[in-house]
Amino acid sequence: MADAKKLVDSKIMGKKVVVFSKTHCPFCVRTKDLLKQYNLSEDDYEVIELDAGPHSKNMAAIQQYLKSLTGASSVPRVFVGGKSVGGNDDTQAAHRSGALKKMIEA
């Protein structure tokens, strides 16, 4: 769990927008497609695919830590400016209301 905490904390504090995702998740795809509209640079935006690459071995621990931070372990988990936006429904709603744009521009 300590490795998961260290990873998650460093990622959400290191980028303006971070998405914890799974490659096969349709809700994650919708969220990532939405965020493409914001034309974020690699310096500002990162997607961490929990079911692929180096993070897959710690997927359960990462999701457990995300649950302690946000109240949910499901993906996607979206963070902007170090703060949790929530999952796909929350991110889509924030986009529609204009709140997501304000968070990204802050």
PDB file of N, CA and C in Angstrom:
ATOM      1  N   MET A   1       0.833  -1.211   0.000  1.00  0.00           N
ATOM      2  CA  MET A   1       0.000   0.000   0.000  1.00  0.00           C
ATOM      3  C   MET A   1       0.866   1.259   0.000  1.00  0.00           C
ATOM      4  N   ALA A   2       2.010   1.207   0.656  1.00  0.00           N
ATOM      5  CA  ALA A   2       2.889   2.380   0.702  1.00  0.00           C
ATOM      6  C   ALA A   2       3.366   2.765  -0.692  1.00  0.00           C
ATOM      7  N   ASP A   3       3.679   1.765  -1.532  1.00  0.00           N
ATOM      8  CA  ASP A   3       4.098   2.052  -2.906  1.00  0.00           C
ATOM      9  C   ASP A   3       2.959   2.680  -3.705  1.00  0.00           C
ATOM     10  N   ALA A   4       1.745   2.177  -3.497  1.00  0.00           N
ATOM     11  CA  ALA A   4       0.582   2.723  -4.198  1.00  0.00           C
ATOM     12  C   ALA A   4       0.338   4.166  -3.780  1.00  0.00           C
ATOM     13  N   LYS A   5       0.419   4.437  -2.498  1.00  0.00           N
ATOM     14  CA  LYS A   5       0.222   5.798  -1.992  1.00  0.00           C
ATOM     15  C   LYS A   5       1.256   6.739  -2.587  1.00  0.00           C
ATOM     16  N   LYS A   6       2.504   6.311  -2.581  1.00  0.00           N
ATOM     17  CA  LYS A   6       3.599   7.130  -3.114  1.00  0.00           C
ATOM     18  C   LYS A   6       3.367   7.425  -4.603  1.00  0.00           C
ATOM     19  N   LEU A   7       2.987   6.398  -5.359  1.00  0.00           N
ATOM     20  CA  LEU A   7       2.745   6.568  -6.784  1.00  0.00           C
ATOM     21  C   LEU A   7       1.593   7.535  -7.038  1.00  0.00           C
ATOM     22  N   VAL A   8       0.459   7.275  -6.423  1.00  0.00           N
ATOM     23  CA  VAL A   8      -0.736   8.102  -6.646  1.00  0.00           C
ATOM     24  C   VAL A   8      -0.470   9.547  -6.231  1.00  0.00           C
ATOM     25  N   ASP A   9       0.066   9.735  -5.049  1.00  0.00           N
ATOM     26  CA  ASP A   9       0.333  11.100  -4.564  1.00  0.00           C
ATOM     27  C   ASP A   9       1.286  11.849  -5.484  1.00  0.00           C
ATOM     28  N   SER A  10       2.343  11.180  -5.952  1.00  0.00           N
ATOM     29  CA  SER A  10       3.304  11.857  -6.828  1.00  0.00           C
ATOM     30  C   SER A  10       2.682  12.191  -8.175  1.00  0.00           C
ATOM     31  N   LYS A  11       1.844  11.312  -8.683  1.00  0.00           N
ATOM     32  CA  LYS A  11       1.205  11.573  -9.982  1.00  0.00           C
ATOM     33  C   LYS A  11       0.225  12.734  -9.885  1.00  0.00           C
ATOM     34  N   ILE A  12      -0.648  12.724  -8.861  1.00  0.00           N
ATOM     35  CA  ILE A  12      -1.669  13.776  -8.813  1.00  0.00           C
ATOM     36  C   ILE A  12      -1.079  15.141  -8.461  1.00  0.00           C
ATOM     37  N   MET A  13       0.073  15.153  -7.828  1.00  0.00           N
ATOM     38  CA  MET A  13       0.712  16.432  -7.526  1.00  0.00           C
ATOM     39  C   MET A  13       1.671  16.870  -8.637  1.00  0.00           C
ATOM     40  N   GLY A  14       2.021  15.936  -9.528  1.00  0.00           N
ATOM     41  CA  GLY A  14       3.004  16.231 -10.563  1.00  0.00           C
ATOM     42  C   GLY A  14       2.430  16.722 -11.876  1.00  0.00           C
ATOM     43  N   LYS A  15       1.143  16.531 -12.070  1.00  0.00           N
ATOM     44  CA  LYS A  15       0.502  16.939 -13.328  1.00  0.00           C
ATOM     45  C   LYS A  15      -0.776  17.713 -13.025  1.00  0.00           C
ATOM     46  N   LYS A  16      -1.162  18.562 -13.942  1.00  0.00           N
ATOM     47  CA  LYS A  16      -2.407  19.324 -13.772  1.00  0.00           C
ATOM     48  C   LYS A  16      -3.624  18.391 -13.821  1.00  0.00           C
ATOM     49  N   VAL A  17      -3.616  17.438 -14.772  1.00  0.00           N
ATOM     50  CA  VAL A  17      -4.729  16.502 -14.932  1.00  0.00           C
ATOM     51  C   VAL A  17      -4.186  15.081 -14.967  1.00  0.00           C
ATOM     52  N   VAL A  18      -4.740  14.217 -14.122  1.00  0.00           N
ATOM     53  CA  VAL A  18      -4.336  12.811 -14.073  1.00  0.00           C
ATOM     54  C   VAL A  18      -5.590  11.947 -14.092  1.00  0.00           C
ATOM     55  N   VAL A  19      -5.545  10.905 -14.915  1.00  0.00           N
ATOM     56  CA  VAL A  19      -6.645   9.952 -14.999  1.00  0.00           C
ATOM     57  C   VAL A  19      -6.104   8.566 -14.682  1.00  0.00           C
ATOM     58  N   PHE A  20      -6.684   7.928 -13.683  1.00  0.00           N
ATOM     59  CA  PHE A  20      -6.403   6.525 -13.405  1.00  0.00           C
ATOM     60  C   PHE A  20      -7.467   5.749 -14.155  1.00  0.00           C
ATOM     61  N   SER A  21      -7.030   4.853 -15.031  1.00  0.00           N
ATOM     62  CA  SER A  21      -7.892   4.256 -16.027  1.00  0.00           C
ATOM     63  C   SER A  21      -7.591   2.769 -16.185  1.00  0.00           C
ATOM     64  N   LYS A  22      -8.445   2.085 -16.937  1.00  0.00           N
ATOM     65  CA  LYS A  22      -8.178   0.727 -17.419  1.00  0.00           C
ATOM     66  C   LYS A  22      -8.454   0.731 -18.916  1.00  0.00           C
ATOM     67  N   THR A  23      -7.605   0.035 -19.652  1.00  0.00           N
ATOM     68  CA  THR A  23      -7.669   0.082 -21.110  1.00  0.00           C
ATOM     69  C   THR A  23      -8.991  -0.414 -21.668  1.00  0.00           C
ATOM     70  N   HIS A  24      -9.632  -1.376 -21.029  1.00  0.00           N
ATOM     71  CA  HIS A  24     -10.854  -1.990 -21.558  1.00  0.00           C
ATOM     72  C   HIS A  24     -12.145  -1.347 -21.048  1.00  0.00           C
ATOM     73  N   CYS A  25     -12.045  -0.339 -20.231  1.00  0.00           N
ATOM     74  CA  CYS A  25     -13.211   0.260 -19.574  1.00  0.00           C
ATOM     75  C   CYS A  25     -13.868   1.304 -20.482  1.00  0.00           C
ATOM     76  N   PRO A  26     -15.154   1.113 -20.858  1.00  0.00           N
ATOM     77  CA  PRO A  26     -15.810   2.089 -21.736  1.00  0.00           C
ATOM     78  C   PRO A  26     -15.989   3.468 -21.089  1.00  0.00           C
ATOM     79  N   PHE A  27     -16.156   3.515 -19.782  1.00  0.00           N
ATOM     80  CA  PHE A  27     -16.281   4.811 -19.101  1.00  0.00           C
ATOM     81  C   PHE A  27     -14.956   5.566 -19.121  1.00  0.00           C
ATOM     82  N   CYS A  28     -13.856   4.831 -19.004  1.00  0.00           N
ATOM     83  CA  CYS A  28     -12.533   5.443 -19.093  1.00  0.00           C
ATOM     84  C   CYS A  28     -12.303   6.017 -20.486  1.00  0.00           C
ATOM     85  N   VAL A  29     -12.712   5.274 -21.508  1.00  0.00           N
ATOM     86  CA  VAL A  29     -12.569   5.751 -22.886  1.00  0.00           C
ATOM     87  C   VAL A  29     -13.338   7.056 -23.074  1.00  0.00           C
ATOM     88  N   ARG A  30     -14.561   7.119 -22.547  1.00  0.00           N
ATOM     89  CA  ARG A  30     -15.365   8.348 -22.671  1.00  0.00           C
ATOM     90  C   ARG A  30     -14.681   9.529 -21.982  1.00  0.00           C
ATOM     91  N   THR A  31     -14.131   9.274 -20.812  1.00  0.00           N
ATOM     92  CA  THR A  31     -13.450  10.343 -20.074  1.00  0.00           C
ATOM     93  C   THR A  31     -12.212  10.820 -20.827  1.00  0.00           C
ATOM     94  N   LYS A  32     -11.416   9.892 -21.308  1.00  0.00           N
ATOM     95  CA  LYS A  32     -10.202  10.263 -22.047  1.00  0.00           C
ATOM     96  C   LYS A  32     -10.553  11.001 -23.335  1.00  0.00           C
ATOM     97  N   ASP A  33     -11.616  10.556 -24.017  1.00  0.00           N
ATOM     98  CA  ASP A  33     -12.064  11.268 -25.224  1.00  0.00           C
ATOM     99  C   ASP A  33     -12.495  12.693 -24.889  1.00  0.00           C
ATOM    100  N   LEU A  34     -13.221  12.864 -23.792  1.00  0.00           N
ATOM    101  CA  LEU A  34     -13.639  14.196 -23.366  1.00  0.00           C
ATOM    102  C   LEU A  34     -12.427  15.086 -23.105  1.00  0.00           C
ATOM    103  N   LEU A  35     -11.455  14.565 -22.397  1.00  0.00           N
ATOM    104  CA  LEU A  35     -10.291  15.375 -22.023  1.00  0.00           C
ATOM    105  C   LEU A  35      -9.439  15.761 -23.230  1.00  0.00           C
ATOM    106  N   LYS A  36      -9.537  15.030 -24.327  1.00  0.00           N
ATOM    107  CA  LYS A  36      -8.807  15.393 -25.551  1.00  0.00           C
ATOM    108  C   LYS A  36      -9.226  16.772 -26.041  1.00  0.00           C
ATOM    109  N   GLN A  37     -10.472  17.158 -25.758  1.00  0.00           N
ATOM    110  CA  GLN A  37     -10.977  18.467 -26.191  1.00  0.00           C
ATOM    111  C   GLN A  37     -10.198  19.634 -25.572  1.00  0.00           C
ATOM    112  N   TYR A  38      -9.528  19.365 -24.474  1.00  0.00           N
ATOM    113  CA  TYR A  38      -8.824  20.428 -23.755  1.00  0.00           C
ATOM    114  C   TYR A  38      -7.397  20.636 -24.241  1.00  0.00           C
ATOM    115  N   ASN A  39      -6.956  19.823 -25.197  1.00  0.00           N
ATOM    116  CA  ASN A  39      -5.622  19.970 -25.801  1.00  0.00           C
ATOM    117  C   ASN A  39      -4.526  20.135 -24.749  1.00  0.00           C
ATOM    118  N   LEU A  40      -4.522  19.260 -23.763  1.00  0.00           N
ATOM    119  CA  LEU A  40      -3.529  19.319 -22.694  1.00  0.00           C
ATOM    120  C   LEU A  40      -2.193  18.763 -23.176  1.00  0.00           C
ATOM    121  N   SER A  41      -1.122  19.383 -22.749  1.00  0.00           N
ATOM    122  CA  SER A  41       0.208  18.915 -23.129  1.00  0.00           C
ATOM    123  C   SER A  41       0.613  17.725 -22.251  1.00  0.00           C
ATOM    124  N   GLU A  42       1.645  17.016 -22.667  1.00  0.00           N
ATOM    125  CA  GLU A  42       2.173  15.909 -21.864  1.00  0.00           C
ATOM    126  C   GLU A  42       2.676  16.394 -20.512  1.00  0.00           C
ATOM    127  N   ASP A  43       3.088  17.638 -20.436  1.00  0.00           N
ATOM    128  CA  ASP A  43       3.547  18.195 -19.160  1.00  0.00           C
ATOM    129  C   ASP A  43       2.395  18.377 -18.177  1.00  0.00           C
ATOM    130  N   ASP A  44       1.186  18.554 -18.715  1.00  0.00           N
ATOM    131  CA  ASP A  44       0.014  18.836 -17.879  1.00  0.00           C
ATOM    132  C   ASP A  44      -0.908  17.638 -17.662  1.00  0.00           C
ATOM    133  N   TYR A  45      -0.784  16.593 -18.492  1.00  0.00           N
ATOM    134  CA  TYR A  45      -1.791  15.528 -18.520  1.00  0.00           C
ATOM    135  C   TYR A  45      -1.132  14.161 -18.557  1.00  0.00           C
ATOM    136  N   GLU A  46      -1.652  13.249 -17.731  1.00  0.00           N
ATOM    137  CA  GLU A  46      -1.148  11.872 -17.756  1.00  0.00           C
ATOM    138  C   GLU A  46      -2.297  10.910 -17.487  1.00  0.00           C
ATOM    139  N   VAL A  47      -2.281   9.816 -18.219  1.00  0.00           N
ATOM    140  CA  VAL A  47      -3.212   8.711 -18.007  1.00  0.00           C
ATOM    141  C   VAL A  47      -2.403   7.545 -17.468  1.00  0.00           C
ATOM    142  N   ILE A  48      -2.826   6.997 -16.349  1.00  0.00           N
ATOM    143  CA  ILE A  48      -2.183   5.824 -15.765  1.00  0.00           C
ATOM    144  C   ILE A  48      -3.121   4.652 -15.990  1.00  0.00           C
ATOM    145  N   GLU A  49      -2.722   3.757 -16.879  1.00  0.00           N
ATOM    146  CA  GLU A  49      -3.517   2.570 -17.184  1.00  0.00           C
ATOM    147  C   GLU A  49      -3.173   1.496 -16.149  1.00  0.00           C
ATOM    148  N   LEU A  50      -4.112   1.210 -15.280  1.00  0.00           N
ATOM    149  CA  LEU A  50      -3.861   0.300 -14.164  1.00  0.00           C
ATOM    150  C   LEU A  50      -3.755  -1.160 -14.583  1.00  0.00           C
ATOM    151  N   ASP A  51      -4.315  -1.515 -15.731  1.00  0.00           N
ATOM    152  CA  ASP A  51      -4.314  -2.906 -16.165  1.00  0.00           C
ATOM    153  C   ASP A  51      -3.245  -3.211 -17.209  1.00  0.00           C
ATOM    154  N   ALA A  52      -2.347  -2.275 -17.440  1.00  0.00           N
ATOM    155  CA  ALA A  52      -1.298  -2.468 -18.440  1.00  0.00           C
ATOM    156  C   ALA A  52       0.008  -1.864 -17.944  1.00  0.00           C
ATOM    157  N   GLY A  53       1.094  -2.416 -18.395  1.00  0.00           N
ATOM    158  CA  GLY A  53       2.395  -1.857 -18.069  1.00  0.00           C
ATOM    159  C   GLY A  53       2.795  -2.041 -16.627  1.00  0.00           C
ATOM    160  N   PRO A  54       3.668  -1.169 -16.148  1.00  0.00           N
ATOM    161  CA  PRO A  54       4.282  -1.370 -14.827  1.00  0.00           C
ATOM    162  C   PRO A  54       3.312  -1.246 -13.649  1.00  0.00           C
ATOM    163  N   HIS A  55       2.181  -0.604 -13.843  1.00  0.00           N
ATOM    164  CA  HIS A  55       1.266  -0.394 -12.725  1.00  0.00           C
ATOM    165  C   HIS A  55       0.312  -1.566 -12.497  1.00  0.00           C
ATOM    166  N   SER A  56       0.263  -2.507 -13.439  1.00  0.00           N
ATOM    167  CA  SER A  56      -0.697  -3.605 -13.333  1.00  0.00           C
ATOM    168  C   SER A  56      -0.425  -4.503 -12.129  1.00  0.00           C
ATOM    169  N   LYS A  57       0.828  -4.628 -11.732  1.00  0.00           N
ATOM    170  CA  LYS A  57       1.126  -5.492 -10.576  1.00  0.00           C
ATOM    171  C   LYS A  57       0.646  -4.884  -9.261  1.00  0.00           C
ATOM    172  N   ASN A  58       0.443  -3.575  -9.235  1.00  0.00           N
ATOM    173  CA  ASN A  58      -0.045  -2.892  -8.027  1.00  0.00           C
ATOM    174  C   ASN A  58      -1.474  -2.384  -8.178  1.00  0.00           C
ATOM    175  N   MET A  59      -2.191  -2.895  -9.186  1.00  0.00           N
ATOM    176  CA  MET A  59      -3.526  -2.373  -9.492  1.00  0.00           C
ATOM    177  C   MET A  59      -4.459  -2.398  -8.286  1.00  0.00           C
ATOM    178  N   ALA A  60      -4.537  -3.500  -7.587  1.00  0.00           N
ATOM    179  CA  ALA A  60      -5.464  -3.607  -6.450  1.00  0.00           C
ATOM    180  C   ALA A  60      -5.102  -2.612  -5.353  1.00  0.00           C
ATOM    181  N   ALA A  61      -3.818  -2.484  -5.058  1.00  0.00           N
ATOM    182  CA  ALA A  61      -3.377  -1.555  -4.015  1.00  0.00           C
ATOM    183  C   ALA A  61      -3.628  -0.110  -4.428  1.00  0.00           C
ATOM    184  N   ILE A  62      -3.406   0.195  -5.700  1.00  0.00           N
ATOM    185  CA  ILE A  62      -3.660   1.546  -6.197  1.00  0.00           C
ATOM    186  C   ILE A  62      -5.142   1.876  -6.093  1.00  0.00           C
ATOM    187  N   GLN A  63      -6.003   0.940  -6.492  1.00  0.00           N
ATOM    188  CA  GLN A  63      -7.442   1.183  -6.405  1.00  0.00           C
ATOM    189  C   GLN A  63      -7.903   1.291  -4.954  1.00  0.00           C
ATOM    190  N   GLN A  64      -7.297   0.531  -4.079  1.00  0.00           N
ATOM    191  CA  GLN A  64      -7.628   0.629  -2.650  1.00  0.00           C
ATOM    192  C   GLN A  64      -7.255   2.005  -2.113  1.00  0.00           C
ATOM    193  N   TYR A  65      -6.086   2.505  -2.491  1.00  0.00           N
ATOM    194  CA  TYR A  65      -5.679   3.833  -2.038  1.00  0.00           C
ATOM    195  C   TYR A  65      -6.573   4.914  -2.655  1.00  0.00           C
ATOM    196  N   LEU A  66      -6.923   4.752  -3.936  1.00  0.00           N
ATOM    197  CA  LEU A  66      -7.841   5.712  -4.567  1.00  0.00           C
ATOM    198  C   LEU A  66      -9.173   5.755  -3.826  1.00  0.00           C
ATOM    199  N   LYS A  67      -9.638   4.597  -3.361  1.00  0.00           N
ATOM    200  CA  LYS A  67     -10.883   4.556  -2.598  1.00  0.00           C
ATOM    201  C   LYS A  67     -10.741   5.336  -1.293  1.00  0.00           C
ATOM    202  N   SER A  68      -9.585   5.227  -0.636  1.00  0.00           N
ATOM    203  CA  SER A  68      -9.385   5.973   0.613  1.00  0.00           C
ATOM    204  C   SER A  68      -9.341   7.481   0.360  1.00  0.00           C
ATOM    205  N   LEU A  69      -8.879   7.878  -0.829  1.00  0.00           N
ATOM    206  CA  LEU A  69      -8.804   9.304  -1.182  1.00  0.00           C
ATOM    207  C   LEU A  69     -10.145   9.875  -1.640  1.00  0.00           C
ATOM    208  N   THR A  70     -10.883   9.081  -2.425  1.00  0.00           N
ATOM    209  CA  THR A  70     -12.031   9.622  -3.136  1.00  0.00           C
ATOM    210  C   THR A  70     -13.370   9.007  -2.737  1.00  0.00           C
ATOM    211  N   GLY A  71     -13.323   7.913  -2.009  1.00  0.00           N
ATOM    212  CA  GLY A  71     -14.552   7.224  -1.646  1.00  0.00           C
ATOM    213  C   GLY A  71     -14.985   6.184  -2.657  1.00  0.00           C
ATOM    214  N   ALA A  72     -14.246   6.052  -3.750  1.00  0.00           N
ATOM    215  CA  ALA A  72     -14.573   5.056  -4.775  1.00  0.00           C
ATOM    216  C   ALA A  72     -13.294   4.487  -5.366  1.00  0.00           C
ATOM    217  N   SER A  73     -13.330   3.205  -5.671  1.00  0.00           N
ATOM    218  CA  SER A  73     -12.159   2.567  -6.276  1.00  0.00           C
ATOM    219  C   SER A  73     -12.355   2.322  -7.761  1.00  0.00           C
ATOM    220  N   SER A  74     -13.550   2.585  -8.265  1.00  0.00           N
ATOM    221  CA  SER A  74     -13.823   2.355  -9.681  1.00  0.00           C
ATOM    222  C   SER A  74     -13.031   3.335 -10.536  1.00  0.00           C
ATOM    223  N   VAL A  75     -12.853   2.971 -11.793  1.00  0.00           N
ATOM    224  CA  VAL A  75     -12.170   3.842 -12.733  1.00  0.00           C
ATOM    225  C   VAL A  75     -13.163   4.283 -13.800  1.00  0.00           C
ATOM    226  N   PRO A  76     -12.928   5.442 -14.388  1.00  0.00           N
ATOM    227  CA  PRO A  76     -11.781   6.306 -14.166  1.00  0.00           C
ATOM    228  C   PRO A  76     -11.882   7.073 -12.851  1.00  0.00           C
ATOM    229  N   ARG A  77     -10.751   7.485 -12.367  1.00  0.00           N
ATOM    230  CA  ARG A  77     -10.636   8.432 -11.248  1.00  0.00           C
ATOM    231  C   ARG A  77      -9.861   9.605 -11.826  1.00  0.00           C
ATOM    232  N   VAL A  78     -10.460  10.759 -11.820  1.00  0.00           N
ATOM    233  CA  VAL A  78      -9.888  11.951 -12.442  1.00  0.00           C
ATOM    234  C   VAL A  78      -9.504  12.957 -11.362  1.00  0.00           C
ATOM    235  N   PHE A  79      -8.295  13.499 -11.515  1.00  0.00           N
ATOM    236  CA  PHE A  79      -7.793  14.532 -10.607  1.00  0.00           C
ATOM    237  C   PHE A  79      -7.378  15.737 -11.430  1.00  0.00           C
ATOM    238  N   VAL A  80      -7.749  16.914 -10.971  1.00  0.00           N
ATOM    239  CA  VAL A  80      -7.333  18.163 -11.603  1.00  0.00           C
ATOM    240  C   VAL A  80      -6.775  19.061 -10.509  1.00  0.00           C
ATOM    241  N   GLY A  81      -5.560  19.524 -10.707  1.00  0.00           N
ATOM    242  CA  GLY A  81      -4.930  20.376  -9.709  1.00  0.00           C
ATOM    243  C   GLY A  81      -4.776  19.696  -8.363  1.00  0.00           C
ATOM    244  N   GLY A  82      -4.585  18.390  -8.377  1.00  0.00           N
ATOM    245  CA  GLY A  82      -4.405  17.639  -7.137  1.00  0.00           C
ATOM    246  C   GLY A  82      -5.694  17.286  -6.422  1.00  0.00           C
ATOM    247  N   LYS A  83      -6.828  17.709  -6.974  1.00  0.00           N
ATOM    248  CA  LYS A  83      -8.126  17.446  -6.337  1.00  0.00           C
ATOM    249  C   LYS A  83      -8.936  16.465  -7.166  1.00  0.00           C
ATOM    250  N   SER A  84      -9.684  15.614  -6.489  1.00  0.00           N
ATOM    251  CA  SER A  84     -10.508  14.624  -7.170  1.00  0.00           C
ATOM    252  C   SER A  84     -11.722  15.278  -7.823  1.00  0.00           C
ATOM    253  N   VAL A  85     -11.895  14.977  -9.098  1.00  0.00           N
ATOM    254  CA  VAL A  85     -13.113  15.373  -9.810  1.00  0.00           C
ATOM    255  C   VAL A  85     -14.144  14.255  -9.658  1.00  0.00           C
ATOM    256  N   GLY A  86     -13.667  13.024  -9.663  1.00  0.00           N
ATOM    257  CA  GLY A  86     -14.531  11.855  -9.527  1.00  0.00           C
ATOM    258  C   GLY A  86     -14.339  10.909 -10.685  1.00  0.00           C
ATOM    259  N   GLY A  87     -15.425  10.245 -11.069  1.00  0.00           N
ATOM    260  CA  GLY A  87     -15.402   9.295 -12.171  1.00  0.00           C
ATOM    261  C   GLY A  87     -15.900   9.930 -13.457  1.00  0.00           C
ATOM    262  N   ASN A  88     -16.299   9.073 -14.401  1.00  0.00           N
ATOM    263  CA  ASN A  88     -16.757   9.566 -15.696  1.00  0.00           C
ATOM    264  C   ASN A  88     -17.982  10.473 -15.571  1.00  0.00           C
ATOM    265  N   ASP A  89     -18.994  10.038 -14.834  1.00  0.00           N
ATOM    266  CA  ASP A  89     -20.217  10.854 -14.717  1.00  0.00           C
ATOM    267  C   ASP A  89     -19.907  12.229 -14.124  1.00  0.00           C
ATOM    268  N   ASP A  90     -19.070  12.255 -13.089  1.00  0.00           N
ATOM    269  CA  ASP A  90     -18.701  13.521 -12.443  1.00  0.00           C
ATOM    270  C   ASP A  90     -17.910  14.414 -13.394  1.00  0.00           C
ATOM    271  N   THR A  91     -17.010  13.811 -14.154  1.00  0.00           N
ATOM    272  CA  THR A  91     -16.175  14.569 -15.089  1.00  0.00           C
ATOM    273  C   THR A  91     -17.023  15.132 -16.226  1.00  0.00           C
ATOM    274  N   GLN A  92     -17.932  14.304 -16.748  1.00  0.00           N
ATOM    275  CA  GLN A  92     -18.826  14.777 -17.818  1.00  0.00           C
ATOM    276  C   GLN A  92     -19.710  15.922 -17.316  1.00  0.00           C
ATOM    277  N   ALA A  93     -20.234  15.787 -16.104  1.00  0.00           N
ATOM    278  CA  ALA A  93     -21.086  16.844 -15.527  1.00  0.00           C
ATOM    279  C   ALA A  93     -20.288  18.128 -15.314  1.00  0.00           C
ATOM    280  N   ALA A  94     -19.055  17.997 -14.834  1.00  0.00           N
ATOM    281  CA  ALA A  94     -18.204  19.177 -14.620  1.00  0.00           C
ATOM    282  C   ALA A  94     -17.902  19.856 -15.951  1.00  0.00           C
ATOM    283  N   HIS A  95     -17.735  19.069 -16.994  1.00  0.00           N
ATOM    284  CA  HIS A  95     -17.502  19.630 -18.325  1.00  0.00           C
ATOM    285  C   HIS A  95     -18.735  20.408 -18.791  1.00  0.00           C
ATOM    286  N   ARG A  96     -19.896  19.781 -18.680  1.00  0.00           N
ATOM    287  CA  ARG A  96     -21.136  20.432 -19.141  1.00  0.00           C
ATOM    288  C   ARG A  96     -21.410  21.734 -18.393  1.00  0.00           C
ATOM    289  N   SER A  97     -21.079  21.774 -17.107  1.00  0.00           N
ATOM    290  CA  SER A  97     -21.357  22.976 -16.310  1.00  0.00           C
ATOM    291  C   SER A  97     -20.291  24.065 -16.488  1.00  0.00           C
ATOM    292  N   GLY A  98     -19.169  23.710 -17.098  1.00  0.00           N
ATOM    293  CA  GLY A  98     -18.065  24.666 -17.237  1.00  0.00           C
ATOM    294  C   GLY A  98     -17.075  24.614 -16.096  1.00  0.00           C
ATOM    295  N   ALA A  99     -17.392  23.844 -15.068  1.00  0.00           N
ATOM    296  CA  ALA A  99     -16.504  23.761 -13.892  1.00  0.00           C
ATOM    297  C   ALA A  99     -15.181  23.101 -14.233  1.00  0.00           C
ATOM    298  N   LEU A 100     -15.212  22.098 -15.102  1.00  0.00           N
ATOM    299  CA  LEU A 100     -13.971  21.394 -15.450  1.00  0.00           C
ATOM    300  C   LEU A 100     -13.002  22.349 -16.152  1.00  0.00           C
ATOM    301  N   LYS A 101     -13.512  23.141 -17.075  1.00  0.00           N
ATOM    302  CA  LYS A 101     -12.666  24.112 -17.782  1.00  0.00           C
ATOM    303  C   LYS A 101     -12.034  25.087 -16.788  1.00  0.00           C
ATOM    304  N   LYS A 102     -12.816  25.570 -15.835  1.00  0.00           N
ATOM    305  CA  LYS A 102     -12.288  26.501 -14.836  1.00  0.00           C
ATOM    306  C   LYS A 102     -11.207  25.827 -13.987  1.00  0.00           C
ATOM    307  N   MET A 103     -11.439  24.564 -13.617  1.00  0.00           N
ATOM    308  CA  MET A 103     -10.433  23.844 -12.812  1.00  0.00           C
ATOM    309  C   MET A 103      -9.138  23.676 -13.586  1.00  0.00           C
ATOM    310  N   ILE A 104      -9.243  23.327 -14.861  1.00  0.00           N
ATOM    311  CA  ILE A 104      -8.050  23.110 -15.682  1.00  0.00           C
ATOM    312  C   ILE A 104      -7.300  24.415 -15.911  1.00  0.00           C
ATOM    313  N   GLU A 105      -8.029  25.496 -16.093  1.00  0.00           N
ATOM    314  CA  GLU A 105      -7.393  26.796 -16.349  1.00  0.00           C
ATOM    315  C   GLU A 105      -6.833  27.447 -15.096  1.00  0.00           C
ATOM    316  N   ALA A 106      -7.250  26.990 -13.923  1.00  0.00           N
ATOM    317  CA  ALA A 106      -6.793  27.602 -12.653  1.00  0.00           C
ATOM    318  C   ALA A 106      -5.321  27.331 -12.418  1.00  0.00           C
TER     319      ALA A 106
END
